[in-house]
């Protein structure tokens, strides 16, 4: 499947910002499962691509002059291998056993993981865990914020894709299974979920397998990966800091659509 992506993000500030830094992980890279055909970032000023510690493509946008808004745009086309279920990497998966503040497993999450997986710490057990978390944490936009932890979302029984991913990571790591947060895009016919998406990957049988708790999908047929990390803070598309500006309003528009092949006469 060939996907076309258009992602525009605009930040407006109540007062003038004296300076800001934005860390952008909005550029996908080639892998066993996806091939980048073309990709462009449109930013207020040129930046250079670099790799972060997790192998993500990172751009650092620094604005030293006063400004009242920032417009960030990403677009391109990527081919997804719909038949490939897993990805292999040379790097060790062991760093993804580490808990973070957002993915710390409390006793409730640990007991839930043991109950769902028991001795089946394999892909089938993790698929059952994915379905159970989907049933326990209902998808409810606005019920959590970006710094809501997995334990808080689990206790509240509501959340969004970020919370689903964090809860899965907490459970998997509590079982001794390396797991990582994934940010990216999802093509879906449903209007219930945003095209900008988050899911989890777990290291099983020597490869990374996807687990999309929000949609109960264990095959990443329509998922385009942007970045990975220990949690949302490592992999979110845009993360920044600023001096001044007062209140902030963020508006994002994401369009993910399949590219139809044109048959030549």
Protein backbone atom coordinates (compact mmCIF):
# COMPACT_ATOMS: atom_id res chain seq x y z
CA UNK A 1 0.00 0.00 0.00
CA UNK A 2 1.26 3.43 -0.95
CA UNK A 3 0.19 6.18 1.44
CA UNK A 4 0.19 9.94 0.96
CA UNK A 5 0.55 12.07 4.09
CA UNK A 6 -0.07 15.75 4.71
CA UNK A 7 0.50 16.99 8.26
CA UNK A 8 0.24 20.69 9.17
CA UNK A 9 0.72 21.96 12.72
CA UNK A 10 0.27 25.60 13.75
CA UNK A 11 1.07 27.10 17.14
CA UNK A 12 -0.40 30.49 18.08
CA UNK A 13 0.66 32.34 21.22
CA UNK A 14 -1.20 34.98 23.21
CA UNK A 15 1.94 37.07 23.56
CA UNK A 16 5.18 37.38 21.68
CA UNK A 17 7.60 34.46 22.16
CA UNK A 18 11.17 35.67 22.72
CA UNK A 19 12.72 32.40 21.59
CA UNK A 20 11.84 28.73 21.10
CA UNK A 21 13.29 25.31 20.30
CA UNK A 22 11.23 22.56 18.67
CA UNK A 23 12.41 18.95 18.45
CA UNK A 24 10.79 17.42 15.38
CA UNK A 25 10.48 13.69 14.74
CA UNK A 26 8.27 14.03 11.69
CA UNK A 27 10.40 12.26 9.08
CA UNK A 28 10.04 8.50 8.51
CA UNK A 29 12.96 6.31 7.49
CA UNK A 30 13.26 3.20 5.36
CA UNK A 31 12.90 -0.17 7.07
CA UNK A 32 11.96 -3.74 6.25
CA UNK A 33 8.31 -2.72 6.31
CA UNK A 34 8.25 0.74 4.74
CA UNK A 35 9.99 2.56 1.91
CA UNK A 36 10.01 6.35 1.77
CA UNK A 37 9.35 7.51 -1.78
CA UNK A 38 9.57 11.23 -1.04
CA UNK A 39 9.26 13.43 2.05
CA UNK A 40 9.45 17.14 2.73
CA UNK A 41 9.48 19.32 5.83
CA UNK A 42 8.45 22.97 5.50
CA UNK A 43 9.79 24.98 8.42
CA UNK A 44 10.29 28.66 9.24
CA UNK A 45 14.02 28.19 8.65
CA UNK A 46 16.30 25.42 7.32
CA UNK A 47 17.44 22.67 9.68
CA UNK A 48 19.73 19.67 9.37
CA UNK A 49 18.65 16.10 9.91
CA UNK A 50 20.36 14.03 12.59
CA UNK A 51 19.73 10.74 14.37
CA UNK A 52 18.64 10.58 18.00
CA UNK A 53 19.72 7.76 20.37
CA UNK A 54 16.86 5.54 19.16
CA UNK A 55 17.69 5.92 15.47
CA UNK A 56 14.86 8.37 14.75
CA UNK A 57 15.38 11.19 12.24
CA UNK A 58 15.45 14.38 14.28
CA UNK A 59 15.32 18.03 13.22
CA UNK A 60 15.92 20.79 15.77
CA UNK A 61 14.19 24.06 14.90
CA UNK A 62 15.62 27.05 16.80
CA UNK A 63 13.95 30.46 16.55
CA UNK A 64 15.91 33.19 18.29
CA UNK A 65 13.87 36.12 17.01
CA UNK A 66 10.50 37.14 18.52
CA UNK A 67 7.49 35.39 16.99
CA UNK A 68 3.78 34.95 17.67
CA UNK A 69 3.19 31.71 15.73
CA UNK A 70 4.98 28.70 14.24
CA UNK A 71 3.84 26.69 11.23
CA UNK A 72 5.30 23.20 10.70
CA UNK A 73 4.37 21.10 7.67
CA UNK A 74 5.33 17.57 6.64
CA UNK A 75 4.24 15.72 3.53
CA UNK A 76 5.24 12.82 1.34
CA UNK A 77 4.55 9.30 0.18
CA UNK A 78 5.59 6.00 1.73
CA UNK A 79 5.07 2.42 0.53
CA UNK A 80 3.96 -0.04 3.24
CA UNK A 81 4.65 -3.77 2.93
CA UNK A 82 1.26 -5.13 4.01
CA UNK A 83 2.52 -8.71 4.21
CA UNK A 84 5.34 -8.10 6.68
CA UNK A 85 4.26 -8.56 10.29
CA UNK A 86 7.60 -7.98 12.05
CA UNK A 87 10.81 -6.00 11.70
CA UNK A 88 14.34 -7.09 12.54
CA UNK A 89 17.01 -4.76 13.90
CA UNK A 90 20.64 -5.22 14.87
CA UNK A 91 20.38 -3.03 18.00
CA UNK A 92 19.73 -4.72 21.33
CA UNK A 93 16.11 -4.55 22.54
CA UNK A 94 17.18 -4.58 26.21
CA UNK A 95 17.02 -0.77 26.71
CA UNK A 96 13.27 -1.05 26.13
CA UNK A 97 12.86 -3.02 29.36
CA UNK A 98 13.33 0.21 31.32
CA UNK A 99 10.32 1.84 32.92
CA UNK A 100 9.74 5.59 32.75
CA UNK A 101 7.46 7.85 34.76
CA UNK A 102 4.78 7.49 32.08
CA UNK A 103 5.14 3.70 31.79
CA UNK A 104 5.78 2.63 35.39
CA UNK A 105 3.73 -0.46 36.20
CA UNK A 106 1.97 -0.30 39.56
CA UNK A 107 0.62 -3.43 41.24
CA UNK A 108 -2.71 -3.15 39.39
CA UNK A 109 -1.00 -3.19 35.99
CA UNK A 110 1.37 -5.98 37.01
CA UNK A 111 -1.51 -8.14 38.21
CA UNK A 112 -3.47 -7.39 35.03
CA UNK A 113 -0.50 -8.42 32.86
CA UNK A 114 -0.05 -11.68 34.78
CA UNK A 115 -3.76 -12.43 34.57
CA UNK A 116 -3.97 -11.88 30.81
CA UNK A 117 -0.71 -13.51 29.76
CA UNK A 118 -0.03 -15.97 32.59
CA UNK A 119 2.78 -18.21 31.32
CA UNK A 120 2.10 -17.32 27.67
CA UNK A 121 4.71 -14.62 27.22
CA UNK A 122 4.55 -14.94 23.46
CA UNK A 123 2.80 -13.11 20.66
CA UNK A 124 -0.53 -14.82 21.29
CA UNK A 125 -0.42 -13.85 24.96
CA UNK A 126 0.39 -10.25 24.05
CA UNK A 127 -2.48 -10.15 21.56
CA UNK A 128 -4.81 -11.24 24.37
CA UNK A 129 -3.29 -8.49 26.54
CA UNK A 130 -3.94 -5.96 23.77
CA UNK A 131 -7.61 -6.90 23.56
CA UNK A 132 -8.00 -6.84 27.33
CA UNK A 133 -6.47 -3.36 27.61
CA UNK A 134 -8.76 -2.12 24.85
CA UNK A 135 -11.75 -3.35 26.84
CA UNK A 136 -10.50 -1.90 30.12
CA UNK A 137 -9.42 1.56 28.88
CA UNK A 138 -12.18 3.00 26.72
CA UNK A 139 -11.20 5.44 23.99
CA UNK A 140 -12.30 8.85 25.22
CA UNK A 141 -10.65 11.97 23.74
CA UNK A 142 -10.03 14.66 26.31
CA UNK A 143 -10.09 12.28 29.27
CA UNK A 144 -6.32 12.45 29.77
CA UNK A 145 -3.43 14.85 29.11
CA UNK A 146 0.06 14.35 27.69
CA UNK A 147 1.63 13.69 31.09
CA UNK A 148 -0.99 11.16 32.24
CA UNK A 149 0.80 7.96 33.26
CA UNK A 150 -0.15 4.42 32.32
CA UNK A 151 -1.21 3.70 35.91
CA UNK A 152 -3.46 6.78 36.00
CA UNK A 153 -5.15 5.96 32.68
CA UNK A 154 -5.60 2.32 33.74
CA UNK A 155 -7.14 3.34 37.06
CA UNK A 156 -9.46 5.82 35.33
CA UNK A 157 -10.49 3.37 32.63
CA UNK A 158 -10.35 6.03 29.90
CA UNK A 159 -7.74 7.40 27.54
CA UNK A 160 -6.51 7.81 23.99
CA UNK A 161 -3.98 5.98 21.83
CA UNK A 162 -1.06 7.38 23.83
CA UNK A 163 -2.51 5.93 27.04
CA UNK A 164 -3.24 2.59 25.38
CA UNK A 165 0.38 2.37 24.23
CA UNK A 166 1.77 3.36 27.65
CA UNK A 167 -0.39 0.78 29.44
CA UNK A 168 0.74 -1.94 27.04
CA UNK A 169 4.39 -0.98 27.57
CA UNK A 170 3.96 -1.05 31.34
CA UNK A 171 2.41 -4.52 31.22
CA UNK A 172 4.89 -5.99 28.75
CA UNK A 173 7.94 -4.65 30.58
CA UNK A 174 6.56 -5.95 33.89
CA UNK A 175 6.63 -9.41 32.28
CA UNK A 176 10.25 -8.95 31.18
CA UNK A 177 9.37 -8.33 27.52
CA UNK A 178 11.10 -5.38 25.80
CA UNK A 179 8.49 -2.99 24.41
CA UNK A 180 8.65 0.45 22.84
CA UNK A 181 6.37 3.37 22.01
CA UNK A 182 5.72 4.14 18.33
CA UNK A 183 4.43 7.37 16.83
CA UNK A 184 3.22 7.64 13.28
CA UNK A 185 0.18 7.65 11.03
CA UNK A 186 -2.70 5.27 10.46
CA UNK A 187 -4.87 5.03 7.38
CA UNK A 188 -8.41 4.12 8.37
CA UNK A 189 -11.91 4.54 6.97
CA UNK A 190 -13.17 5.36 10.46
CA UNK A 191 -13.64 8.95 11.59
CA UNK A 192 -13.45 8.02 15.29
CA UNK A 193 -9.66 8.23 15.53
CA UNK A 194 -7.10 10.75 14.32
CA UNK A 195 -4.79 9.85 11.45
CA UNK A 196 -1.87 10.84 13.67
CA UNK A 197 -1.49 7.79 15.84
CA UNK A 198 0.49 5.90 18.49
CA UNK A 199 0.88 2.20 19.16
CA UNK A 200 3.36 -0.22 20.74
CA UNK A 201 5.91 -2.76 19.57
CA UNK A 202 7.18 -5.72 21.58
CA UNK A 203 10.29 -7.85 21.04
CA UNK A 204 9.11 -11.41 20.46
CA UNK A 205 11.05 -14.29 18.88
CA UNK A 206 13.90 -12.00 17.78
CA UNK A 207 11.81 -9.33 16.05
CA UNK A 208 9.60 -6.31 16.74
CA UNK A 209 5.85 -6.98 16.45
CA UNK A 210 3.18 -4.27 16.48
CA UNK A 211 0.28 -4.05 18.94
CA UNK A 212 -2.24 -1.29 18.27
CA UNK A 213 -4.39 -1.39 21.42
CA UNK A 214 -6.72 1.39 20.27
CA UNK A 215 -7.80 -0.51 17.16
CA UNK A 216 -7.01 -4.07 18.33
CA UNK A 217 -4.66 -4.57 15.40
CA UNK A 218 -1.65 -6.87 15.56
CA UNK A 219 -0.82 -6.49 11.87
CA UNK A 220 0.59 -3.06 10.91
CA UNK A 221 -0.87 -3.13 7.42
CA UNK A 222 -1.85 0.55 7.39
CA UNK A 223 0.60 1.95 9.92
CA UNK A 224 3.38 4.35 8.92
CA UNK A 225 6.10 4.63 11.56
CA UNK A 226 7.74 7.96 12.36
CA UNK A 227 9.67 7.38 15.58
CA UNK A 228 10.17 5.02 18.52
CA UNK A 229 11.17 5.49 22.15
CA UNK A 230 10.64 4.51 25.75
CA UNK A 231 7.44 6.58 25.85
CA UNK A 232 5.58 9.50 24.29
CA UNK A 233 8.25 12.02 25.26
CA UNK A 234 10.90 10.18 23.23
CA UNK A 235 8.84 9.69 20.08
CA UNK A 236 6.20 12.43 19.79
CA UNK A 237 6.33 14.29 16.45
CA UNK A 238 6.78 17.75 18.03
CA UNK A 239 8.21 18.60 21.43
CA UNK A 240 9.55 21.99 22.39
CA UNK A 241 10.24 24.75 24.86
CA UNK A 242 9.93 28.52 24.68
CA UNK A 243 10.57 31.77 26.51
CA UNK A 244 7.48 33.91 26.88
CA UNK A 245 4.34 33.73 24.79
CA UNK A 246 1.72 33.27 27.49
CA UNK A 247 -1.09 30.93 26.48
CA UNK A 248 -0.77 28.60 23.51
CA UNK A 249 -3.23 27.29 20.94
CA UNK A 250 -2.24 24.35 18.75
CA UNK A 251 -4.09 23.36 15.59
CA UNK A 252 -3.12 20.21 13.69
CA UNK A 253 -4.51 18.87 10.43
CA UNK A 254 -3.48 15.41 9.27
CA UNK A 255 -4.58 13.69 6.08
CA UNK A 256 -3.55 10.11 5.28
CA UNK A 257 -4.83 8.62 2.05
CA UNK A 258 -3.94 5.72 -0.25
CA UNK A 259 -2.35 6.50 -3.60
CA UNK A 260 -4.18 4.72 -6.37
CA UNK A 261 -2.02 3.18 -9.02
CA UNK A 262 -2.59 4.53 -12.49
CA UNK A 263 -2.76 1.78 -15.08
CA UNK A 264 -0.87 2.61 -18.22
CA UNK A 265 -2.59 2.05 -21.53
